[in-house]
Amino acid sequence: MIYALLIFSLSIILYGHLKGATIAFSPIIGVMVGGLYSYTDYEDAREHTLQCCILILAITVVWETSNG
């Protein structure tokens, strides 16, 4: 499972780089394993968030797409 999350985290970093997204690395207090995708609609854009947590590190990729 850890290998799958490592491959997933590398793929979201690559995807974020291709989309011109903001990529953030954050430490986690405690231990967490998993992935998350969410979006928020605004009047003129949709903000997408893709996150992968591996033990004590969270990798977050955020980008926007237009609604028009």
N, C-alpha and C. Protein backbone atom coordinates (compact mmCIF):
# COMPACT_ATOMS: atom_id res chain seq x y z
N MET A 1 0.82 -1.20 0.00
CA MET A 1 0.00 0.00 0.00
C MET A 1 0.87 1.26 0.00
N ILE A 2 1.96 1.24 0.71
CA ILE A 2 2.85 2.39 0.74
C ILE A 2 3.42 2.66 -0.65
N TYR A 3 3.77 1.59 -1.38
CA TYR A 3 4.29 1.77 -2.73
C TYR A 3 3.24 2.39 -3.64
N ALA A 4 1.99 2.00 -3.48
CA ALA A 4 0.91 2.58 -4.28
C ALA A 4 0.76 4.07 -3.98
N LEU A 5 0.86 4.46 -2.71
CA LEU A 5 0.77 5.87 -2.35
C LEU A 5 1.98 6.66 -2.85
N LEU A 6 3.16 6.04 -2.87
CA LEU A 6 4.34 6.71 -3.42
C LEU A 6 4.17 6.96 -4.92
N ILE A 7 3.66 5.97 -5.63
CA ILE A 7 3.41 6.15 -7.06
C ILE A 7 2.33 7.18 -7.28
N PHE A 8 1.27 7.16 -6.47
CA PHE A 8 0.20 8.16 -6.57
C PHE A 8 0.73 9.56 -6.29
N SER A 9 1.57 9.70 -5.26
CA SER A 9 2.09 11.03 -4.93
C SER A 9 3.00 11.55 -6.04
N LEU A 10 3.82 10.70 -6.63
CA LEU A 10 4.66 11.13 -7.75
C LEU A 10 3.82 11.51 -8.96
N SER A 11 2.74 10.79 -9.19
CA SER A 11 1.88 11.11 -10.33
C SER A 11 1.12 12.41 -10.12
N ILE A 12 0.69 12.73 -8.88
CA ILE A 12 0.00 14.00 -8.69
C ILE A 12 0.97 15.17 -8.74
N ILE A 13 2.21 14.96 -8.36
CA ILE A 13 3.21 16.02 -8.51
C ILE A 13 3.45 16.29 -10.00
N LEU A 14 3.56 15.25 -10.80
CA LEU A 14 3.73 15.41 -12.24
C LEU A 14 2.50 16.07 -12.85
N TYR A 15 1.31 15.64 -12.48
CA TYR A 15 0.07 16.22 -12.98
C TYR A 15 -0.03 17.70 -12.61
N GLY A 16 0.33 18.02 -11.37
CA GLY A 16 0.31 19.42 -10.95
C GLY A 16 1.29 20.27 -11.72
N HIS A 17 2.44 19.72 -12.01
CA HIS A 17 3.44 20.44 -12.80
C HIS A 17 2.92 20.69 -14.21
N LEU A 18 2.27 19.72 -14.81
CA LEU A 18 1.71 19.88 -16.15
C LEU A 18 0.56 20.88 -16.18
N LYS A 19 -0.22 20.97 -15.11
CA LYS A 19 -1.34 21.91 -15.03
C LYS A 19 -0.92 23.31 -14.60
N GLY A 20 0.33 23.48 -14.19
CA GLY A 20 0.78 24.77 -13.68
C GLY A 20 0.17 25.08 -12.31
N ALA A 21 -0.03 24.04 -11.53
CA ALA A 21 -0.69 24.17 -10.23
C ALA A 21 0.29 24.54 -9.13
N THR A 22 -0.29 24.92 -7.99
CA THR A 22 0.50 25.16 -6.79
C THR A 22 0.68 23.82 -6.08
N ILE A 23 1.92 23.47 -5.78
CA ILE A 23 2.23 22.21 -5.11
C ILE A 23 2.84 22.53 -3.75
N ALA A 24 2.25 21.97 -2.70
CA ALA A 24 2.72 22.25 -1.34
C ALA A 24 3.04 20.94 -0.62
N PHE A 25 4.12 20.95 0.12
CA PHE A 25 4.51 19.83 0.97
C PHE A 25 4.38 20.29 2.41
N SER A 26 3.63 19.53 3.21
CA SER A 26 3.37 19.93 4.59
C SER A 26 3.59 18.76 5.54
N PRO A 27 4.19 19.03 6.68
CA PRO A 27 4.32 17.96 7.68
C PRO A 27 2.99 17.74 8.40
N ILE A 28 2.78 16.53 8.84
CA ILE A 28 1.57 16.18 9.59
C ILE A 28 2.00 15.80 11.01
N ILE A 29 1.27 16.32 11.98
CA ILE A 29 1.52 15.92 13.36
C ILE A 29 0.69 14.66 13.59
N GLY A 30 1.35 13.55 13.72
CA GLY A 30 0.68 12.26 13.82
C GLY A 30 0.98 11.43 12.58
N VAL A 31 0.16 10.44 12.31
CA VAL A 31 0.36 9.55 11.17
C VAL A 31 -0.94 9.49 10.37
N MET A 32 -0.82 9.63 9.04
CA MET A 32 -2.00 9.61 8.18
C MET A 32 -1.63 8.96 6.85
N VAL A 33 -2.54 8.18 6.29
CA VAL A 33 -2.31 7.52 5.01
C VAL A 33 -3.59 7.64 4.19
N GLY A 34 -3.47 8.13 2.94
CA GLY A 34 -4.64 8.19 2.07
C GLY A 34 -4.54 9.30 1.05
N GLY A 35 -5.61 9.43 0.26
CA GLY A 35 -5.67 10.44 -0.78
C GLY A 35 -7.01 11.15 -0.76
N LEU A 36 -7.06 12.35 -1.37
CA LEU A 36 -8.27 13.18 -1.35
C LEU A 36 -8.34 13.98 -2.63
N TYR A 37 -9.54 14.08 -3.22
CA TYR A 37 -9.80 15.02 -4.30
C TYR A 37 -11.05 15.79 -3.94
N SER A 38 -11.02 17.10 -4.08
CA SER A 38 -12.20 17.92 -3.84
C SER A 38 -12.15 19.14 -4.75
N TYR A 39 -13.30 19.80 -4.88
CA TYR A 39 -13.34 21.04 -5.65
C TYR A 39 -14.31 22.00 -5.00
N THR A 40 -14.08 23.28 -5.27
CA THR A 40 -14.93 24.35 -4.76
C THR A 40 -15.31 25.24 -5.94
N ASP A 41 -16.62 25.49 -6.09
CA ASP A 41 -17.09 26.35 -7.17
C ASP A 41 -17.17 27.79 -6.69
N TYR A 42 -16.59 28.68 -7.47
CA TYR A 42 -16.71 30.12 -7.26
C TYR A 42 -17.47 30.69 -8.45
N GLU A 43 -17.76 31.99 -8.44
CA GLU A 43 -18.53 32.59 -9.52
C GLU A 43 -17.84 32.46 -10.87
N ASP A 44 -16.54 32.65 -10.91
CA ASP A 44 -15.84 32.67 -12.19
C ASP A 44 -14.88 31.50 -12.40
N ALA A 45 -14.71 30.63 -11.41
CA ALA A 45 -13.74 29.54 -11.54
C ALA A 45 -14.09 28.39 -10.60
N ARG A 46 -13.49 27.26 -10.87
CA ARG A 46 -13.59 26.09 -10.00
C ARG A 46 -12.19 25.78 -9.52
N GLU A 47 -12.01 25.65 -8.19
CA GLU A 47 -10.72 25.33 -7.60
C GLU A 47 -10.68 23.85 -7.26
N HIS A 48 -9.69 23.15 -7.79
CA HIS A 48 -9.52 21.72 -7.57
C HIS A 48 -8.39 21.50 -6.56
N THR A 49 -8.58 20.54 -5.66
CA THR A 49 -7.56 20.19 -4.69
C THR A 49 -7.34 18.68 -4.74
N LEU A 50 -6.09 18.29 -4.89
CA LEU A 50 -5.70 16.89 -4.91
C LEU A 50 -4.64 16.72 -3.82
N GLN A 51 -4.85 15.78 -2.91
CA GLN A 51 -3.94 15.64 -1.77
C GLN A 51 -3.62 14.17 -1.54
N CYS A 52 -2.36 13.92 -1.19
CA CYS A 52 -1.89 12.58 -0.85
C CYS A 52 -1.13 12.67 0.47
N CYS A 53 -1.51 11.84 1.43
CA CYS A 53 -0.85 11.83 2.73
C CYS A 53 -0.12 10.50 2.91
N ILE A 54 1.17 10.60 3.20
CA ILE A 54 1.99 9.41 3.42
C ILE A 54 2.67 9.57 4.78
N LEU A 55 2.16 8.86 5.76
CA LEU A 55 2.67 8.85 7.13
C LEU A 55 2.76 10.26 7.70
N ILE A 56 3.88 10.98 7.58
CA ILE A 56 4.01 12.29 8.21
C ILE A 56 4.13 13.43 7.20
N LEU A 57 3.81 13.16 5.91
CA LEU A 57 3.95 14.17 4.86
C LEU A 57 2.66 14.26 4.06
N ALA A 58 2.17 15.49 3.85
CA ALA A 58 1.00 15.73 3.00
C ALA A 58 1.46 16.50 1.76
N ILE A 59 1.11 15.99 0.60
CA ILE A 59 1.41 16.65 -0.67
C ILE A 59 0.08 17.16 -1.22
N THR A 60 -0.01 18.49 -1.41
CA THR A 60 -1.24 19.11 -1.87
C THR A 60 -1.02 19.81 -3.19
N VAL A 61 -1.90 19.57 -4.15
CA VAL A 61 -1.85 20.19 -5.47
C VAL A 61 -3.16 20.95 -5.65
N VAL A 62 -3.07 22.26 -5.95
CA VAL A 62 -4.25 23.10 -6.11
C VAL A 62 -4.15 23.83 -7.45
N TRP A 63 -5.24 23.76 -8.26
CA TRP A 63 -5.30 24.49 -9.51
C TRP A 63 -6.73 24.94 -9.77
N GLU A 64 -6.87 25.90 -10.69
CA GLU A 64 -8.18 26.46 -11.01
C GLU A 64 -8.49 26.25 -12.48
N THR A 65 -9.79 26.07 -12.77
CA THR A 65 -10.30 26.05 -14.14
C THR A 65 -11.43 27.06 -14.23
N SER A 66 -11.60 27.64 -15.40
CA SER A 66 -12.66 28.64 -15.56
C SER A 66 -14.02 27.97 -15.75
N ASN A 67 -15.08 28.67 -15.35
CA ASN A 67 -16.43 28.14 -15.47
C ASN A 67 -17.08 28.51 -16.79
N GLY A 68 -16.42 29.27 -17.59
CA GLY A 68 -17.06 29.76 -18.81
C GLY A 68 -16.56 29.11 -20.01
